[in-house]
Protein backbone atom coordinates (compact mmCIF):
# COMPACT_ATOMS: atom_id res chain seq x y z
CA ALA A 1 -23.12 -18.51 -43.27
CA GLY A 2 -21.42 -15.41 -41.49
CA ALA A 3 -21.49 -14.48 -37.84
CA PRO A 4 -24.73 -14.58 -36.01
CA ALA A 5 -26.63 -11.21 -35.90
CA PHE A 6 -26.41 -9.09 -32.80
CA ARG A 7 -28.91 -6.45 -31.64
CA LEU A 8 -29.31 -4.64 -28.53
CA ARG A 9 -32.84 -4.61 -27.31
CA SER A 10 -34.45 -1.76 -25.33
CA GLY A 11 -35.79 -2.08 -21.90
CA VAL A 12 -39.08 -0.47 -20.38
CA ARG A 13 -39.96 2.83 -21.87
CA VAL A 14 -41.56 5.63 -19.88
CA LEU A 15 -43.29 7.91 -22.46
CA PHE A 16 -44.57 11.47 -21.56
CA ASN A 17 -48.02 10.23 -22.54
CA SER A 18 -48.09 7.34 -20.05
CA LEU A 19 -49.43 6.77 -16.45
CA ALA A 20 -45.88 5.45 -15.64
CA PHE A 21 -44.43 8.94 -16.45
CA ALA A 22 -47.15 10.72 -14.60
CA ALA A 23 -46.26 8.70 -11.48
CA PHE A 24 -42.52 9.35 -12.22
CA PHE A 25 -42.94 13.08 -12.35
CA ALA A 26 -45.30 13.20 -9.33
CA VAL A 27 -42.52 11.57 -7.18
CA VAL A 28 -39.74 13.78 -8.59
CA TYR A 29 -41.81 17.00 -8.31
CA ALA A 30 -42.79 16.26 -4.78
CA GLY A 31 -39.11 15.85 -3.92
CA TYR A 32 -38.23 19.01 -5.97
CA LEU A 33 -40.61 21.14 -4.10
CA ALA A 34 -39.55 19.58 -0.68
CA THR A 35 -35.92 20.72 -1.40
CA HIS A 36 -36.98 24.28 -2.29
CA ASN A 37 -34.08 26.96 -1.90
CA ARG A 38 -31.43 24.16 -1.87
CA VAL A 39 -29.98 24.35 -5.29
CA ARG A 40 -27.58 21.53 -4.90
CA SER A 41 -30.15 19.18 -3.47
CA GLN A 42 -32.46 20.02 -6.31
CA ASN A 43 -29.71 19.51 -8.86
CA LEU A 44 -28.79 16.11 -7.42
CA LEU A 45 -32.48 15.10 -7.42
CA LEU A 46 -32.68 16.26 -11.26
CA LEU A 47 -29.56 14.32 -12.14
CA GLY A 48 -30.82 11.18 -10.39
CA ALA A 49 -34.24 11.63 -12.27
CA GLY A 50 -32.60 12.11 -15.49
CA TYR A 51 -30.49 9.08 -15.40
CA ALA A 52 -33.41 7.07 -13.98
CA PHE A 53 -35.61 8.28 -16.96
CA TYR A 54 -32.89 7.53 -19.54
CA GLY A 55 -32.07 4.23 -17.84
CA TYR A 56 -35.58 2.82 -18.14
CA TRP A 57 -35.04 2.96 -21.96
CA ASP A 58 -31.87 0.91 -21.87
CA VAL A 59 -29.59 0.99 -18.76
CA ARG A 60 -26.54 0.19 -21.02
CA PHE A 61 -26.72 3.49 -22.62
CA LEU A 62 -26.22 5.47 -19.45
CA SER A 63 -22.62 5.02 -20.02
CA LEU A 64 -22.75 6.90 -23.37
CA LEU A 65 -24.55 9.75 -21.57
CA ALA A 66 -22.15 9.87 -18.87
CA LEU A 67 -19.06 9.62 -21.26
CA SER A 68 -20.38 12.42 -23.44
CA THR A 69 -21.03 14.68 -20.30
CA LEU A 70 -17.45 14.02 -18.96
CA ILE A 71 -15.62 14.47 -22.23
CA ASP A 72 -16.96 17.89 -22.93
CA PHE A 73 -16.94 19.06 -19.27
CA VAL A 74 -13.22 18.22 -19.07
CA VAL A 75 -12.18 19.52 -22.63
CA ALA A 76 -14.04 22.68 -22.02
CA GLN A 77 -12.03 23.28 -18.91
CA LEU A 78 -8.90 22.59 -20.91
CA ILE A 79 -9.92 24.96 -23.58
CA GLN A 80 -10.65 27.77 -21.19
CA ARG A 81 -7.30 27.54 -19.62
CA GLU A 82 -5.32 27.13 -22.85
CA GLU A 83 -3.90 30.29 -24.52
CA SER A 84 -2.46 28.70 -27.69
CA ARG A 85 -4.88 28.84 -30.57
CA ARG A 86 -3.34 25.60 -31.97
CA ARG A 87 -3.76 23.62 -28.89
CA ARG A 88 -7.21 24.96 -28.29
CA ARG A 89 -8.26 23.78 -31.90
CA LEU A 90 -6.71 20.31 -31.21
CA LEU A 91 -8.71 20.18 -28.02
CA LEU A 92 -11.87 21.12 -29.70
CA ALA A 93 -11.21 18.68 -32.52
CA ALA A 94 -10.73 15.79 -29.93
CA SER A 95 -13.94 16.80 -28.32
CA VAL A 96 -16.06 17.15 -31.49
CA SER A 97 -14.57 14.04 -33.15
CA SER A 98 -15.23 11.89 -30.05
CA GLN A 99 -18.81 12.86 -29.87
CA LEU A 100 -19.39 12.45 -33.74
CA THR A 101 -17.71 9.03 -33.40
CA ILE A 102 -20.18 7.86 -30.84
CA LEU A 103 -22.98 9.39 -32.86
CA GLY A 104 -21.63 7.89 -36.00
CA VAL A 105 -21.20 4.17 -34.79
CA PHE A 106 -24.52 4.06 -33.19
CA LYS A 107 -26.71 5.91 -35.56
CA TYR A 108 -25.07 5.27 -38.92
CA PHE A 109 -23.07 2.02 -38.84
CA ASN A 110 -26.04 0.04 -40.19
CA PHE A 111 -26.74 2.50 -42.86
CA PHE A 112 -23.19 2.75 -44.32
CA ALA A 113 -22.61 -0.92 -43.93
CA ASP A 114 -25.75 -1.81 -45.85
CA SER A 115 -25.08 0.83 -48.47
CA PHE A 116 -21.46 -0.50 -49.03
CA VAL A 117 -22.75 -4.08 -49.43
CA ALA A 118 -25.35 -2.71 -52.05
CA VAL A 119 -22.71 -0.67 -54.01
CA LEU A 120 -20.39 -3.87 -54.22
CA ARG A 121 -23.28 -5.93 -55.64
CA VAL A 122 -24.01 -3.24 -58.20
CA VAL A 123 -20.41 -3.40 -59.46
CA GLY A 124 -20.52 -7.23 -59.69
CA PHE A 125 -19.15 -8.29 -56.24
CA ASP A 126 -21.34 -10.46 -54.07
CA ALA A 127 -20.62 -9.62 -50.59
CA ASP A 128 -22.23 -11.12 -47.47
CA PRO A 129 -24.10 -8.34 -45.47
CA ILE A 130 -22.50 -7.16 -42.43
CA THR A 131 -24.48 -8.74 -39.64
CA LEU A 132 -23.88 -6.58 -36.69
CA ARG A 133 -26.86 -4.62 -35.74
CA ILE A 134 -26.39 -1.69 -33.37
CA MET A 135 -29.56 -0.28 -31.71
CA LEU A 136 -29.87 3.59 -31.74
CA PRO A 137 -29.59 4.96 -28.25
CA VAL A 138 -32.74 7.17 -27.80
CA GLY A 139 -32.15 10.81 -28.02
CA VAL A 140 -28.50 10.48 -28.86
CA SER A 141 -28.51 13.21 -31.59
CA PHE A 142 -29.96 15.68 -29.25
CA TYR A 143 -27.61 15.57 -26.19
CA THR A 144 -24.54 15.11 -28.61
CA PHE A 145 -25.47 18.31 -30.48
CA GLN A 146 -26.21 20.06 -27.04
CA THR A 147 -22.75 19.22 -25.75
CA ILE A 148 -20.93 20.05 -28.86
CA SER A 149 -22.44 23.47 -28.99
CA TYR A 150 -21.24 24.10 -25.37
CA THR A 151 -17.65 23.18 -26.31
CA VAL A 152 -17.66 25.28 -29.40
CA ASP A 153 -19.08 28.30 -27.64
CA VAL A 154 -16.31 27.88 -24.91
CA PHE A 155 -13.70 27.78 -27.69
CA ARG A 156 -15.06 30.80 -29.38
CA ARG A 157 -14.94 32.67 -25.96
CA LYS A 158 -18.73 33.33 -26.02
CA LEU A 159 -19.15 31.14 -22.88
CA VAL A 160 -17.05 30.55 -19.78
CA ALA A 161 -16.54 26.95 -18.98
CA CYS A 162 -18.67 25.53 -16.32
CA THR A 163 -16.77 24.61 -13.12
CA SER A 164 -19.35 22.58 -11.49
CA LEU A 165 -19.63 18.89 -13.04
CA LEU A 166 -23.10 18.47 -11.29
CA ASP A 167 -24.58 21.50 -12.90
CA PHE A 168 -23.12 20.51 -16.34
CA ALA A 169 -24.48 16.85 -15.91
CA VAL A 170 -27.82 18.14 -14.99
CA PHE A 171 -27.71 20.43 -18.14
CA VAL A 172 -26.95 17.51 -20.35
CA SER A 173 -29.34 15.02 -18.71
CA PHE A 174 -32.30 17.19 -17.92
CA PHE A 175 -35.13 14.64 -18.36
CA PRO A 176 -37.96 16.96 -19.88
CA GLN A 177 -35.97 17.65 -22.95
CA LEU A 178 -33.33 14.76 -22.87
CA VAL A 179 -34.59 12.47 -25.63
CA ALA A 180 -36.15 14.78 -28.08
CA GLY A 181 -35.18 18.50 -27.36
CA PRO A 182 -35.28 21.27 -27.73
CA ILE A 183 -31.63 21.40 -28.20
CA GLU A 184 -30.71 23.87 -25.53
CA ARG A 185 -27.61 26.18 -25.41
CA ALA A 186 -25.50 26.12 -22.35
CA GLY A 187 -25.53 29.95 -22.19
CA HIS A 188 -29.32 29.66 -21.67
CA MET A 189 -29.64 26.78 -19.40
CA LEU A 190 -26.61 26.61 -17.28
CA PRO A 191 -27.31 29.92 -15.43
CA GLN A 192 -30.77 28.48 -14.54
CA PHE A 193 -29.22 25.43 -12.94
CA SER A 194 -26.67 27.26 -10.93
CA ARG A 195 -29.07 29.74 -9.21
CA ARG A 196 -31.99 29.27 -7.04
CA ARG A 197 -35.25 28.65 -8.85
CA THR A 198 -38.58 30.38 -8.07
CA ILE A 199 -41.88 29.11 -9.34
CA SER A 200 -44.32 32.13 -10.18
CA LEU A 201 -47.99 31.89 -10.60
CA GLU A 202 -47.44 32.82 -14.31
CA GLN A 203 -45.14 29.91 -14.79
CA LEU A 204 -47.67 27.52 -13.10
CA ASN A 205 -50.42 28.93 -15.39
CA SER A 206 -48.43 28.72 -18.56
CA GLY A 207 -46.90 25.37 -17.67
CA PHE A 208 -50.30 23.86 -17.04
CA PHE A 209 -51.52 25.25 -20.41
CA LEU A 210 -48.44 23.92 -22.32
CA LEU A 211 -48.83 20.44 -20.77
CA LEU A 212 -52.46 20.49 -21.74
CA TRP A 213 -51.75 21.84 -25.26
CA GLY A 214 -48.90 19.45 -25.71
CA TYR A 215 -51.00 16.40 -24.74
CA PHE A 216 -53.86 17.57 -26.94
CA GLN A 217 -51.47 17.88 -30.00
CA LYS A 218 -49.87 14.42 -29.37
CA MET A 219 -52.92 12.36 -28.28
CA ALA A 220 -55.87 14.08 -29.96
CA VAL A 221 -53.98 15.19 -33.21
CA ALA A 222 -50.86 13.19 -33.94
CA ASP A 223 -52.02 9.78 -32.68
CA ARG A 224 -55.32 10.08 -34.42
CA MET A 225 -53.57 11.08 -37.73
CA ALA A 226 -51.18 8.16 -37.28
CA ALA A 227 -54.26 5.84 -37.38
CA ILE A 228 -55.06 7.10 -40.87
CA ALA A 229 -51.51 7.68 -42.16
CA ASP A 230 -49.83 4.43 -40.95
CA PRO A 231 -52.13 1.84 -42.70
CA ILE A 232 -51.92 3.67 -45.97
CA PHE A 233 -48.15 4.34 -45.94
CA GLY A 234 -47.67 0.64 -44.80
CA GLN A 235 -49.37 -0.64 -47.84
CA CYS A 236 -49.08 2.25 -50.36
CA GLN A 237 -49.04 0.13 -53.36
CA LYS A 238 -52.62 -0.90 -52.60
CA HIS A 239 -53.82 2.73 -52.67
CA HIS A 240 -53.94 5.41 -55.25
CA GLY A 241 -55.39 8.90 -55.92
CA ALA A 242 -56.90 10.96 -53.17
CA ASP A 243 -56.32 8.42 -50.39
CA LEU A 244 -52.66 8.93 -50.84
CA VAL A 245 -53.08 12.69 -50.77
CA LEU A 246 -55.14 12.35 -47.47
CA ALA A 247 -52.57 10.07 -46.14
CA CYS A 248 -49.78 12.59 -46.85
CA LEU A 249 -51.94 15.36 -45.14
CA ALA A 250 -52.55 13.22 -42.04
CA PHE A 251 -48.82 12.63 -41.68
CA THR A 252 -48.11 16.30 -42.18
CA PHE A 253 -50.07 17.01 -38.93
CA GLN A 254 -49.09 13.75 -37.38
CA ILE A 255 -45.45 14.68 -37.23
CA TYR A 256 -46.16 18.28 -36.30
CA GLY A 257 -48.67 17.46 -33.52
CA ASP A 258 -46.14 14.69 -32.25
CA PHE A 259 -42.95 16.76 -32.30
CA ALA A 260 -44.54 20.09 -31.32
CA GLY A 261 -46.62 18.20 -28.56
CA TYR A 262 -43.42 16.89 -27.08
CA SER A 263 -41.67 20.19 -27.11
CA ASN A 264 -44.71 21.93 -25.38
CA ILE A 265 -44.95 19.17 -22.73
CA ALA A 266 -41.25 19.55 -22.12
CA ARG A 267 -41.55 23.32 -21.84
CA GLY A 268 -44.44 22.97 -19.57
CA LEU A 269 -42.63 20.46 -17.22
CA GLY A 270 -39.66 23.00 -17.11
CA LYS A 271 -41.97 25.94 -16.21
CA LEU A 272 -43.54 23.91 -13.35
CA MET A 273 -40.01 23.50 -11.96
CA GLY A 274 -39.02 27.09 -12.64
CA PHE A 275 -37.16 26.64 -15.83
CA GLU A 276 -37.51 28.32 -19.11
CA LEU A 277 -36.95 26.12 -22.26
CA MET A 278 -36.79 27.75 -25.61
CA VAL A 279 -39.75 27.79 -28.06
CA ASN A 280 -39.11 24.86 -30.45
CA PHE A 281 -42.20 25.29 -32.73
CA ASN A 282 -44.02 28.53 -33.81
CA LEU A 283 -46.87 27.93 -35.99
CA PRO A 284 -44.76 26.50 -38.96
CA TYR A 285 -47.60 25.76 -41.19
CA PHE A 286 -48.23 29.52 -41.39
CA SER A 287 -44.93 30.08 -43.25
CA ARG A 288 -44.76 31.77 -46.58
CA ARG A 289 -41.39 30.84 -47.70
CA PRO A 290 -38.79 28.06 -46.79
CA SER A 291 -36.54 30.42 -44.89
CA GLU A 292 -39.58 31.44 -42.59
CA PHE A 293 -40.50 27.83 -42.32
CA TRP A 294 -37.03 26.97 -40.70
CA THR A 295 -37.37 29.77 -38.22
CA ARG A 296 -40.79 28.25 -37.14
CA TRP A 297 -40.03 24.50 -37.30
CA HIS A 298 -37.57 22.69 -34.89
CA ILE A 299 -36.13 26.03 -34.05
CA SER A 300 -33.49 24.60 -31.88
CA LEU A 301 -32.06 22.56 -34.59
CA SER A 302 -32.38 25.27 -37.24
CA ASN A 303 -30.36 27.58 -35.07
CA TRP A 304 -27.90 24.92 -34.39
CA LEU A 305 -27.28 24.24 -38.06
CA ARG A 306 -26.98 27.81 -38.78
CA ASP A 307 -24.49 28.82 -35.97
CA TYR A 308 -22.37 25.63 -36.08
CA LEU A 309 -22.56 24.58 -39.49
CA PHE A 310 -23.90 27.11 -42.11
CA LEU A 311 -21.97 30.11 -41.02
CA PRO A 312 -18.57 28.22 -40.56
CA LEU A 313 -19.27 26.68 -44.12
CA SER A 314 -20.13 30.13 -45.55
CA PHE A 315 -16.85 31.63 -44.12
CA ALA A 316 -14.78 28.78 -45.63
CA LEU A 317 -16.45 28.92 -49.03
CA SER A 318 -16.04 32.79 -49.06
CA ARG A 319 -12.29 32.33 -49.04
CA ARG A 320 -12.40 29.94 -51.96
CA LEU A 321 -15.15 31.78 -54.11
CA ASP A 322 -14.08 35.44 -53.50
CA GLY A 323 -14.67 37.31 -56.57
CA VAL A 324 -16.10 34.21 -58.64
CA ARG A 325 -18.85 35.11 -60.92
CA TRP A 326 -20.62 32.28 -62.84
CA MET A 327 -23.84 32.17 -64.79
CA GLY A 328 -24.45 35.79 -64.10
CA LEU A 329 -24.41 35.18 -60.20
CA ARG A 330 -22.18 36.79 -57.73
CA ASP A 331 -19.89 34.93 -55.37
CA ASP A 332 -22.19 35.71 -52.35
CA VAL A 333 -25.07 33.85 -53.99
CA TRP A 334 -22.74 30.85 -54.75
CA ILE A 335 -21.54 30.88 -51.18
CA TYR A 336 -25.14 30.82 -50.01
CA VAL A 337 -25.89 27.86 -52.42
CA GLY A 338 -23.14 25.77 -51.43
CA ALA A 339 -23.38 26.41 -47.69
CA THR A 340 -27.06 25.86 -47.84
CA LEU A 341 -27.06 22.49 -49.70
CA ILE A 342 -24.38 21.09 -47.64
CA THR A 343 -26.17 22.18 -44.48
CA MET A 344 -29.38 20.74 -45.40
CA LEU A 345 -28.04 17.49 -46.72
CA LEU A 346 -26.34 17.02 -43.29
CA GLY A 347 -29.55 18.17 -41.59
CA GLY A 348 -31.47 15.43 -43.49
CA LEU A 349 -28.83 12.82 -42.52
CA TRP A 350 -29.04 13.93 -38.84
CA HIS A 351 -32.78 12.98 -38.89
CA GLY A 352 -31.93 9.37 -39.79
CA ALA A 353 -29.65 6.83 -41.40
CA SER A 354 -31.54 6.50 -44.76
CA TRP A 355 -31.31 7.82 -48.21
CA THR A 356 -34.95 9.09 -47.88
CA PHE A 357 -33.65 11.46 -45.30
CA VAL A 358 -30.73 12.54 -47.27
CA LEU A 359 -32.97 13.31 -50.38
CA TRP A 360 -35.35 15.09 -48.00
CA GLY A 361 -32.54 17.29 -46.79
CA LEU A 362 -31.54 18.03 -50.45
CA TYR A 363 -35.03 18.77 -51.24
CA GLN A 364 -35.25 21.34 -48.39
CA GLY A 365 -31.93 22.90 -49.56
CA LEU A 366 -33.09 23.22 -53.07
CA LEU A 367 -36.44 24.95 -51.89
CA LEU A 368 -34.31 27.42 -49.83
CA VAL A 369 -32.04 28.21 -52.87
CA ALA A 370 -34.82 28.37 -55.37
CA PHE A 371 -36.92 30.79 -53.22
CA ARG A 372 -33.71 32.91 -52.49
CA LEU A 373 -33.13 33.18 -56.29
CA VAL A 374 -36.71 34.11 -57.02
CA SER A 375 -36.87 36.63 -54.36
CA MET A 376 -33.70 38.31 -55.56
CA GLY A 377 -35.31 38.77 -59.14
CA ALA A 378 -38.51 39.94 -57.57
CA ARG A 379 -36.81 42.69 -55.44
CA ARG A 380 -35.55 44.27 -58.73
CA ARG A 381 -39.04 44.56 -60.13
CA ARG A 382 -41.08 45.03 -56.88
CA ARG A 383 -43.84 47.63 -56.79
CA ALA A 384 -45.73 48.64 -53.69
CA PRO A 385 -48.72 46.21 -53.67
CA SER A 386 -52.23 47.28 -52.48
CA ARG A 387 -53.55 46.03 -49.27
CA THR A 388 -55.95 43.66 -51.14
CA TRP A 389 -53.31 42.31 -53.26
CA LYS A 390 -50.93 41.77 -50.37
CA ALA A 391 -53.63 39.73 -48.46
CA TRP A 392 -54.23 37.56 -51.52
CA LEU A 393 -50.52 37.08 -52.12
CA THR A 394 -49.98 36.02 -48.54
CA VAL A 395 -52.69 33.37 -48.75
CA ALA A 396 -51.20 32.14 -52.23
CA GLN A 397 -47.66 31.96 -50.70
CA THR A 398 -48.80 30.24 -47.54
CA THR A 399 -50.88 27.69 -49.56
CA LEU A 400 -47.81 26.99 -52.00
CA MET A 401 -45.43 26.70 -49.14
CA PHE A 402 -47.93 24.28 -47.32
CA GLY A 403 -48.12 22.02 -50.54
CA LEU A 404 -44.31 21.94 -50.98
CA THR A 405 -43.93 21.11 -47.26
CA VAL A 406 -46.32 18.16 -47.60
CA LEU A 407 -44.47 16.94 -50.75
CA GLY A 408 -41.35 16.97 -48.61
CA TRP A 409 -42.91 14.86 -45.76
CA VAL A 410 -43.61 12.00 -48.44
CA LEU A 411 -39.74 11.69 -48.62
CA PHE A 412 -39.50 11.86 -44.82
CA ARG A 413 -42.18 9.20 -44.06
CA SER A 414 -41.34 6.80 -46.87
CA HIS A 415 -39.14 3.79 -45.94
CA THR A 416 -37.36 3.62 -49.51
CA LEU A 417 -37.01 6.03 -52.50
CA GLY A 418 -39.18 3.54 -54.55
CA GLU A 419 -42.17 3.96 -52.04
CA ALA A 420 -41.81 7.70 -52.13
CA ALA A 421 -41.76 7.68 -55.94
CA TYR A 422 -45.00 5.63 -56.07
CA ILE A 423 -46.91 7.98 -53.76
CA ILE A 424 -45.75 11.07 -55.60
CA VAL A 425 -46.82 9.44 -59.07
CA ASN A 426 -49.89 7.85 -58.06
CA ALA A 427 -51.28 10.53 -55.81
CA GLY A 428 -54.28 12.55 -57.43
CA LEU A 429 -57.91 13.42 -57.16
CA SER A 430 -59.48 10.04 -58.03
CA PHE A 431 -61.72 8.87 -55.21
CA THR A 432 -62.38 5.35 -53.62
CA ARG A 433 -65.17 4.33 -51.40
CA GLN A 434 -63.24 5.26 -48.30
CA THR A 435 -62.07 8.73 -49.49
CA PRO A 436 -65.11 10.75 -48.04
CA GLU A 437 -64.87 9.07 -44.77
CA LEU A 438 -61.12 9.87 -44.61
CA ALA A 439 -61.72 13.39 -45.51
CA TYR A 440 -64.45 13.89 -43.02
CA GLU A 441 -62.30 12.30 -40.18
CA ILE A 442 -59.21 14.48 -41.03
CA THR A 443 -61.19 17.65 -41.26
CA PHE A 444 -63.17 16.88 -38.07
CA LEU A 445 -60.14 16.02 -35.98
CA LEU A 446 -58.02 18.99 -37.16
CA ALA A 447 -60.73 21.61 -36.81
CA PRO A 448 -59.86 22.66 -33.09
CA LEU A 449 -56.17 22.50 -33.77
CA LEU A 450 -56.49 24.93 -36.81
CA ALA A 451 -58.98 27.26 -35.09
CA PHE A 452 -56.69 27.46 -31.98
CA GLU A 453 -53.52 28.07 -33.99
CA LEU A 454 -55.30 30.75 -36.11
CA TRP A 455 -56.11 32.45 -32.90
CA GLN A 456 -52.41 32.19 -31.83
CA PHE A 457 -51.30 33.54 -35.14
CA ARG A 458 -53.52 36.41 -35.19
CA ALA A 459 -52.52 37.30 -31.75
CA ASP A 460 -48.97 36.71 -32.46
CA ASP A 461 -48.68 35.16 -29.16
CA LEU A 462 -48.47 31.18 -28.54
CA LEU A 463 -49.62 31.75 -24.89
CA VAL A 464 -52.60 33.92 -25.78
CA ALA A 465 -54.92 31.53 -23.91
CA THR A 466 -53.07 32.17 -20.62
CA ARG A 467 -53.54 35.87 -20.83
CA GLN A 468 -57.41 35.65 -21.02
CA PRO A 469 -59.73 36.46 -18.03
CA LEU A 470 -60.04 33.59 -15.52
CA VAL A 471 -63.52 32.48 -16.81
CA ALA A 472 -62.32 32.51 -20.55
CA ARG A 473 -59.20 30.44 -19.47
CA VAL A 474 -61.41 27.91 -17.64
CA LEU A 475 -63.66 27.43 -20.68
CA VAL A 476 -60.68 26.89 -23.00
CA TYR A 477 -58.84 24.51 -20.73
CA PHE A 478 -62.17 22.62 -20.22
CA GLY A 479 -62.72 22.52 -24.02
CA LEU A 480 -59.30 21.02 -24.46
CA LEU A 481 -59.70 18.63 -21.69
CA PHE A 482 -63.03 17.33 -23.09
CA TRP A 483 -61.86 16.95 -26.56
CA LEU A 484 -58.81 15.24 -25.43
CA GLY A 485 -60.92 12.81 -23.09
CA VAL A 486 -63.35 12.06 -26.00
CA PHE A 487 -61.10 11.84 -28.84
CA GLY A 488 -57.50 11.48 -27.58
CA VAL A 489 -55.86 8.00 -28.05
CA ARG A 490 -55.24 6.57 -24.70
CA ASN A 491 -52.72 3.84 -25.31
CA SER A 492 -49.03 5.24 -25.28
CA MET A 493 -47.69 5.69 -28.58
CA GLN A 494 -44.01 6.57 -28.91
CA PHE A 495 -43.06 9.98 -30.15
CA ILE A 496 -41.73 9.98 -33.65
CA TYR A 497 -38.53 11.87 -32.87
CA PHE A 498 -37.37 9.50 -30.19
CA GLN A 499 -35.76 7.52 -32.87
CA PHE A 500 -33.53 10.50 -33.83
């Protein structure tokens, strides 16, 4: 019969969009302001708050957070002092392998175990499933990548190893961005933890706006879109035609509003405490090509994959493909193709232990490669376009890119490859009785988001609302509060990227 199944269960969850978190932050913020000008006291408070926040999810996983922190703090110190490049590489390998082992066991054990059993059954061996079920620690992918980048930067001599365990521990466990990013760089954040923080009126103004805008994106957009997308994706075989198209469109804005909303709330909380977190989303659905999309979507992960995976892979492939010319393409093109596909495959796997995520990563890699090859051919025949032609071309490119992005989200959202195939094959323009209602609800709920983002896009400024005269700012903020109060979902729904 096999061994009994074992699964770790989570404890109480304190979500950003909950009254419990509001109370938690109010207490922490009061203590933070009370210890103004005392950096060490504030850092001790932030460390305790970060561990308390993470411990509310599951206190047992605090040991993993502490272990990851301690490993890279010690190893970075050793790398800093070591002169032998061979020993420095061994130390780096020890650090990265230990972090990836933790990530691999807790995130991918179930996936590879189940896949192994399935492969054995295909070739004729009837194996019992491996019954161990390990719960994924919330945010493990984010803080693991954050500490890995720190160690690598110290190895590359781009960063001096931090000498304060307190500062480094606060950097890893900073609660606004601990469980879903952005994936901050030590070179950007560690100096902010080591110096005295001052909170300016500009930071208070932009921090309040980012909080309000983030909650609007989460509660009035993402959670309302979830109410449309989840029932249809949950029983997709009972739906067809335009209803499937609308469900895919709803999920497209659900995942954006959910993740961008979290990132904006994190930035807003940081500003209220005198910290500057990086911009993680920059109007991604206005992109005209895949390369631009990945400079606008989950920017911290895109930059991480570029700096710590794509560029090293490109360098490694250049040593093997130097001078190679195949199918009429130069070696630099094949280097780009190989490094891009491997990077995006691993990027897809980072998002989750499922073949749908792997295929989504491959799909994104193929889009990048295809657009790169097309642009190479277009450059050879390019003529200076007229202003009118350029405007229409921009609209066409943006529309095409948005459609390809929606198609990719089908793979991302589906639980199985069969489910994704069904949705792609059966989506169309045929209507049902609920189609007009769904279309009206989506259009109505997305109108404020699209209008506001068009304003941001035209101004090329995500904080354009904060730079308006006082009366205009009050009207904008009141409008967002009104819409949030009337149409926002009040029950606390978990953020999608917490599972990654």
